[in-house]
């Protein structure tokens, strides 16, 4: 799964590999949101 953010110039960033939608279950959702919130562009990615 990739996250695309206007904040990061529309560059897709890989969040994780998922084989189903169980990451959206209430018991897993906070972990998923934390992963998305902690994504950052590297300097190389931002320069591209």
Protein backbone atom coordinates (compact mmCIF):
# COMPACT_ATOMS: atom_id res chain seq x y z
CA UNK A 1 0.00 0.00 0.00
CA UNK A 2 1.22 3.46 -0.87
CA UNK A 3 0.38 6.82 0.64
CA UNK A 4 0.30 9.86 -1.65
CA UNK A 5 0.43 13.24 0.03
CA UNK A 6 0.23 16.76 -1.32
CA UNK A 7 2.59 17.70 1.51
CA UNK A 8 5.21 15.45 -0.10
CA UNK A 9 4.71 16.72 -3.66
CA UNK A 10 2.36 13.87 -4.60
CA UNK A 11 5.15 11.30 -4.32
CA UNK A 12 3.86 7.86 -3.36
CA UNK A 13 5.47 6.35 -0.29
CA UNK A 14 5.20 2.68 0.56
CA UNK A 15 3.46 2.13 3.89
CA UNK A 16 3.58 -1.67 4.02
CA UNK A 17 2.64 -4.89 2.21
CA UNK A 18 -0.89 -6.07 2.90
CA UNK A 19 -2.61 -9.15 1.51
CA UNK A 20 -6.06 -8.18 2.78
CA UNK A 21 -7.92 -5.33 4.43
CA UNK A 22 -7.46 -6.53 8.01
CA UNK A 23 -5.26 -3.48 8.70
CA UNK A 24 -8.49 -1.47 8.65
CA UNK A 25 -10.02 -3.45 11.51
CA UNK A 26 -10.47 -1.40 14.66
CA UNK A 27 -7.84 -3.46 16.49
CA UNK A 28 -5.20 -2.77 13.80
CA UNK A 29 -6.18 0.68 12.59
CA UNK A 30 -4.14 2.75 15.09
CA UNK A 31 -0.94 0.95 14.08
CA UNK A 32 -1.69 1.65 10.42
CA UNK A 33 -2.38 5.34 11.08
CA UNK A 34 0.86 5.62 13.07
CA UNK A 35 2.80 4.15 10.12
CA UNK A 36 1.25 6.69 7.74
CA UNK A 37 1.84 9.60 10.12
CA UNK A 38 5.51 8.66 10.56
CA UNK A 39 6.34 8.60 6.84
CA UNK A 40 8.93 11.13 5.69
CA UNK A 41 10.61 11.83 2.39
CA UNK A 42 14.33 11.28 2.18
CA UNK A 43 16.38 14.18 0.87
CA UNK A 44 16.87 12.33 -2.44
CA UNK A 45 13.13 11.72 -2.82
CA UNK A 46 12.33 15.38 -2.14
CA UNK A 47 14.92 16.58 -4.64
CA UNK A 48 13.47 14.37 -7.38
